[in-house]
Amino acid sequence: MYEVCGEKELKVILALDPGDSISGVARKIDENRETIRRVVNRLEEAGYVAYDDGLHLVDQTLRDTGLEFLTAVANISPPSISEAYVLPQFAGMEYAYTGIDAVYVWTRGGYQVARDPADYPLFIAVHESDLDDWTAFFDRFGIPTAEERLPAADLDGAIQVVFEPRPQIEVEMVDGRPVIPLQETVAFANEHYAHFQSALDMLGRMYDSVDTDANYRPN
């Protein structure tokens, strides 16, 4: 009964949506595919996970209970920045990284505008109808949320989530992370050109569909 109750097993149970592949789950939780393949095999042998046109949980209460456990753990050991990026995968609601985080995702981590680890907002687009549920989700982990960035002096911790409520969200996937479309990301970077000149140059070299006049060369 206890043989599959490890950290990665819990992550898989929380992140797994019906129809997911092993590769898809691995990307969601930022883990090695082969490692997650072995984890899924153990979960399948234990009867927690089954394969039927994709993976699915045999009993949905496993996920609910796992989330309750994770919430209790967060009261003792708050989420780190890297863990905060994974947490939304466990909410069971659609979202997409936007703003600064969209640039970060589309450059595949290659560009990260100066961000203070002691004052670290995550920018997420969510459905307007889900806003209250998202607020409640992050509240479980002690992470403050708002629709405008909060001053660091008003917060007890480093992490906050800034929501961008939308009637609809167009989502693309990059390395397992949901993100707003590339062209929308480029438009945001152009709007804040002084901060994202080098990112625009990077995006122009990474994607043929990106047309940018940025020609950044570091000193």
Protein backbone atom coordinates (compact mmCIF):
# COMPACT_ATOMS: atom_id res chain seq x y z
CA MET A 1 0.00 0.00 0.00
CA TYR A 2 2.88 2.39 0.75
CA GLU A 3 5.23 1.42 -2.06
CA VAL A 4 4.12 4.15 -4.49
CA CYS A 5 3.74 7.08 -2.10
CA GLY A 6 6.77 9.10 -3.16
CA GLU A 7 7.19 12.69 -4.36
CA LYS A 8 7.10 11.93 -8.09
CA GLU A 9 4.15 9.59 -7.70
CA LEU A 10 2.21 12.39 -5.98
CA LYS A 11 3.15 14.85 -8.73
CA VAL A 12 1.91 12.45 -11.42
CA ILE A 13 -1.38 11.84 -9.62
CA LEU A 14 -1.97 15.58 -9.21
CA ALA A 15 -0.97 16.58 -12.75
CA LEU A 16 -2.58 13.73 -14.68
CA ASP A 17 -5.53 14.69 -16.88
CA PRO A 18 -7.52 11.98 -18.71
CA GLY A 19 -5.85 11.07 -22.01
CA ASP A 20 -2.40 12.37 -21.08
CA SER A 21 0.67 10.59 -22.37
CA ILE A 22 3.73 9.82 -20.27
CA SER A 23 5.68 12.49 -22.16
CA GLY A 24 2.91 15.00 -21.57
CA VAL A 25 2.86 14.38 -17.82
CA ALA A 26 6.66 14.57 -17.64
CA ARG A 27 6.66 17.96 -19.36
CA LYS A 28 3.91 19.27 -17.09
CA ILE A 29 5.88 18.58 -13.93
CA ASP A 30 9.30 19.30 -15.44
CA GLU A 31 10.64 15.78 -14.96
CA ASN A 32 12.61 13.35 -17.11
CA ARG A 33 10.39 11.22 -19.35
CA GLU A 34 12.10 7.94 -18.50
CA THR A 35 11.77 8.65 -14.79
CA ILE A 36 8.05 9.34 -15.17
CA ARG A 37 7.63 6.23 -17.32
CA ARG A 38 8.90 4.15 -14.40
CA VAL A 39 6.68 6.07 -11.98
CA VAL A 40 3.61 5.51 -14.15
CA ASN A 41 4.44 1.80 -14.42
CA ARG A 42 4.52 1.55 -10.62
CA LEU A 43 1.24 3.44 -10.31
CA GLU A 44 -0.34 1.19 -12.94
CA GLU A 45 0.87 -1.97 -11.19
CA ALA A 46 -0.56 -0.68 -7.91
CA GLY A 47 -3.92 -0.03 -9.59
CA TYR A 48 -3.91 3.75 -9.24
CA VAL A 49 -3.53 4.54 -12.95
CA ALA A 50 -4.86 2.80 -16.05
CA TYR A 51 -4.26 3.21 -19.76
CA ASP A 52 -7.28 3.53 -22.05
CA ASP A 53 -6.62 5.78 -25.04
CA GLY A 54 -4.25 7.68 -22.77
CA LEU A 55 -3.61 7.62 -19.05
CA HIS A 56 -6.26 8.27 -16.43
CA LEU A 57 -6.70 7.94 -12.68
CA VAL A 58 -8.72 4.93 -11.57
CA ASP A 59 -10.18 6.90 -8.64
CA GLN A 60 -10.42 10.70 -8.77
CA THR A 61 -10.39 10.91 -4.96
CA LEU A 62 -6.68 10.10 -5.18
CA ARG A 63 -6.10 13.52 -6.70
CA ASP A 64 -8.34 15.29 -4.20
CA THR A 65 -6.59 13.61 -1.28
CA GLY A 66 -3.18 14.31 -2.77
CA LEU A 67 -4.02 17.99 -3.05
CA GLU A 68 -5.12 18.08 0.58
CA PHE A 69 -1.79 16.52 1.57
CA LEU A 70 0.15 19.03 -0.54
CA THR A 71 -1.76 21.88 1.07
CA ALA A 72 -0.82 20.63 4.53
CA VAL A 73 2.84 20.33 3.50
CA ALA A 74 2.84 23.91 2.15
CA ASN A 75 1.89 25.18 5.62
CA ILE A 76 5.18 23.78 6.89
CA SER A 77 7.38 24.27 3.82
CA PRO A 78 6.09 27.02 1.48
CA PRO A 79 6.49 26.46 -2.29
CA SER A 80 9.72 27.57 -3.91
CA ILE A 81 9.71 29.60 -7.13
CA SER A 82 10.28 26.50 -9.28
CA GLU A 83 7.51 24.66 -7.42
CA ALA A 84 5.17 27.62 -7.89
CA TYR A 85 5.51 27.21 -11.67
CA VAL A 86 4.31 23.60 -11.37
CA LEU A 87 1.44 24.23 -8.93
CA PRO A 88 -1.09 25.52 -11.53
CA GLN A 89 -0.90 22.13 -13.27
CA PHE A 90 -2.62 20.67 -10.20
CA ALA A 91 -5.60 23.05 -10.25
CA GLY A 92 -7.61 21.26 -12.95
CA MET A 93 -8.44 24.56 -14.69
CA GLU A 94 -7.28 26.04 -17.97
CA TYR A 95 -4.68 28.79 -17.84
CA ALA A 96 -1.78 30.25 -19.81
CA TYR A 97 1.36 32.09 -18.85
CA THR A 98 1.28 35.66 -20.06
CA GLY A 99 3.32 38.87 -19.91
CA ILE A 100 6.88 38.40 -18.63
CA ASP A 101 6.30 34.70 -18.13
CA ALA A 102 5.11 34.23 -21.72
CA VAL A 103 8.44 35.67 -22.91
CA TYR A 104 10.24 33.34 -20.51
CA VAL A 105 8.34 30.29 -21.77
CA TRP A 106 8.62 31.08 -25.49
CA THR A 107 12.37 31.67 -25.19
CA ARG A 108 12.48 28.29 -23.42
CA GLY A 109 13.99 29.87 -20.38
CA GLY A 110 16.59 31.69 -22.45
CA TYR A 111 15.41 35.15 -21.45
CA GLN A 112 14.45 36.15 -17.95
CA VAL A 113 14.05 39.88 -17.39
CA ALA A 114 15.66 40.94 -14.12
CA ARG A 115 13.45 39.51 -11.38
CA ASP A 116 14.26 39.62 -7.71
CA PRO A 117 13.95 36.20 -6.01
CA ALA A 118 12.69 38.13 -2.99
CA ASP A 119 9.88 39.71 -5.06
CA TYR A 120 8.72 37.24 -7.69
CA PRO A 121 5.33 37.60 -9.41
CA LEU A 122 3.97 34.96 -11.80
CA PHE A 123 1.72 36.23 -14.58
CA ILE A 124 -1.16 33.95 -15.57
CA ALA A 125 -4.15 34.39 -17.89
CA VAL A 126 -7.28 32.65 -16.56
CA HIS A 127 -10.93 32.42 -17.50
CA GLU A 128 -13.00 35.16 -15.88
CA SER A 129 -15.46 32.52 -14.68
CA ASP A 130 -12.65 30.66 -12.85
CA LEU A 131 -11.14 33.68 -11.10
CA ASP A 132 -12.59 32.95 -7.65
CA ASP A 133 -11.58 29.29 -7.88
CA TRP A 134 -8.03 30.25 -8.86
CA THR A 135 -7.83 32.66 -5.94
CA ALA A 136 -8.99 29.91 -3.58
CA PHE A 137 -6.51 27.44 -5.10
CA PHE A 138 -3.46 29.60 -4.49
CA ASP A 139 -4.76 30.68 -1.10
CA ARG A 140 -4.45 27.03 -0.04
CA PHE A 141 -0.69 27.38 -0.51
CA GLY A 142 -0.38 30.79 1.10
CA ILE A 143 0.33 32.51 -2.22
CA PRO A 144 -1.31 35.94 -2.57
CA THR A 145 -3.11 36.78 -5.81
CA ALA A 146 -4.34 39.95 -7.47
CA GLU A 147 -5.13 41.43 -10.87
CA GLU A 148 -2.39 44.03 -10.42
CA ARG A 149 1.08 43.41 -9.08
CA LEU A 150 1.21 43.96 -5.33
CA PRO A 151 4.08 45.91 -3.70
CA ALA A 152 6.65 43.59 -2.15
CA ALA A 153 6.34 45.48 1.13
CA ASP A 154 2.71 44.34 1.39
CA LEU A 155 3.61 40.65 1.17
CA ASP A 156 4.96 38.18 3.71
CA GLY A 157 6.67 35.99 1.10
CA ALA A 158 8.45 36.39 -2.21
CA ILE A 159 5.89 34.81 -4.56
CA GLN A 160 2.64 36.30 -5.80
CA VAL A 161 0.38 35.44 -8.73
CA VAL A 162 -0.94 38.20 -10.97
CA PHE A 163 -4.09 37.15 -12.82
CA GLU A 164 -5.19 38.39 -16.20
CA PRO A 165 -8.87 37.37 -16.40
CA ARG A 166 -10.12 36.81 -19.95
CA PRO A 167 -13.44 35.72 -21.45
CA GLN A 168 -11.50 33.19 -23.54
CA ILE A 169 -7.93 31.93 -23.51
CA GLU A 170 -6.01 30.82 -26.57
CA VAL A 171 -3.44 28.37 -25.27
CA GLU A 172 -0.32 26.94 -26.87
CA MET A 173 2.02 24.43 -25.27
CA VAL A 174 5.78 24.96 -25.05
CA ASP A 175 7.81 22.33 -23.22
CA GLY A 176 4.71 21.28 -21.30
CA ARG A 177 3.80 24.78 -20.17
CA PRO A 178 0.58 26.47 -21.37
CA VAL A 179 1.27 29.93 -22.72
CA ILE A 180 -0.43 32.65 -24.75
CA PRO A 181 0.29 32.54 -28.52
CA LEU A 182 3.71 33.52 -29.82
CA GLN A 183 2.50 36.55 -31.78
CA GLU A 184 0.70 37.91 -28.73
CA THR A 185 3.88 37.43 -26.72
CA VAL A 186 5.89 39.30 -29.37
CA ALA A 187 3.36 42.14 -29.30
CA PHE A 188 3.75 42.39 -25.52
CA ALA A 189 7.54 42.45 -25.84
CA ASN A 190 7.34 45.17 -28.50
CA GLU A 191 5.07 47.21 -26.24
CA HIS A 192 7.79 47.07 -23.57
CA TYR A 193 10.69 47.22 -26.00
CA ALA A 194 13.21 48.74 -23.58
CA HIS A 195 12.99 45.66 -21.36
CA PHE A 196 12.64 43.03 -24.06
CA GLN A 197 14.90 44.12 -26.92
CA SER A 198 17.25 41.20 -26.42
CA ALA A 199 14.28 38.82 -26.01
CA LEU A 200 12.84 39.98 -29.33
CA ASP A 201 16.15 39.31 -31.02
CA MET A 202 16.18 35.85 -29.46
CA LEU A 203 12.59 35.11 -30.53
CA GLY A 204 13.37 36.31 -34.07
CA ARG A 205 16.21 33.80 -34.29
CA MET A 206 14.20 30.97 -32.72
CA TYR A 207 10.99 31.25 -34.77
CA ASP A 208 10.63 31.93 -38.50
CA SER A 209 7.15 33.37 -37.93
CA VAL A 210 8.52 36.19 -35.77
CA ASP A 211 9.31 39.36 -37.69
CA THR A 212 11.19 41.80 -35.48
CA ASP A 213 13.54 44.70 -36.06
CA ALA A 214 15.39 43.98 -32.81
CA ASN A 215 19.11 43.64 -33.34
CA TYR A 216 20.47 43.33 -29.86
CA ARG A 217 24.09 42.61 -29.17
CA PRO A 218 25.35 42.60 -25.57
CA ASN A 219 28.27 44.87 -24.75
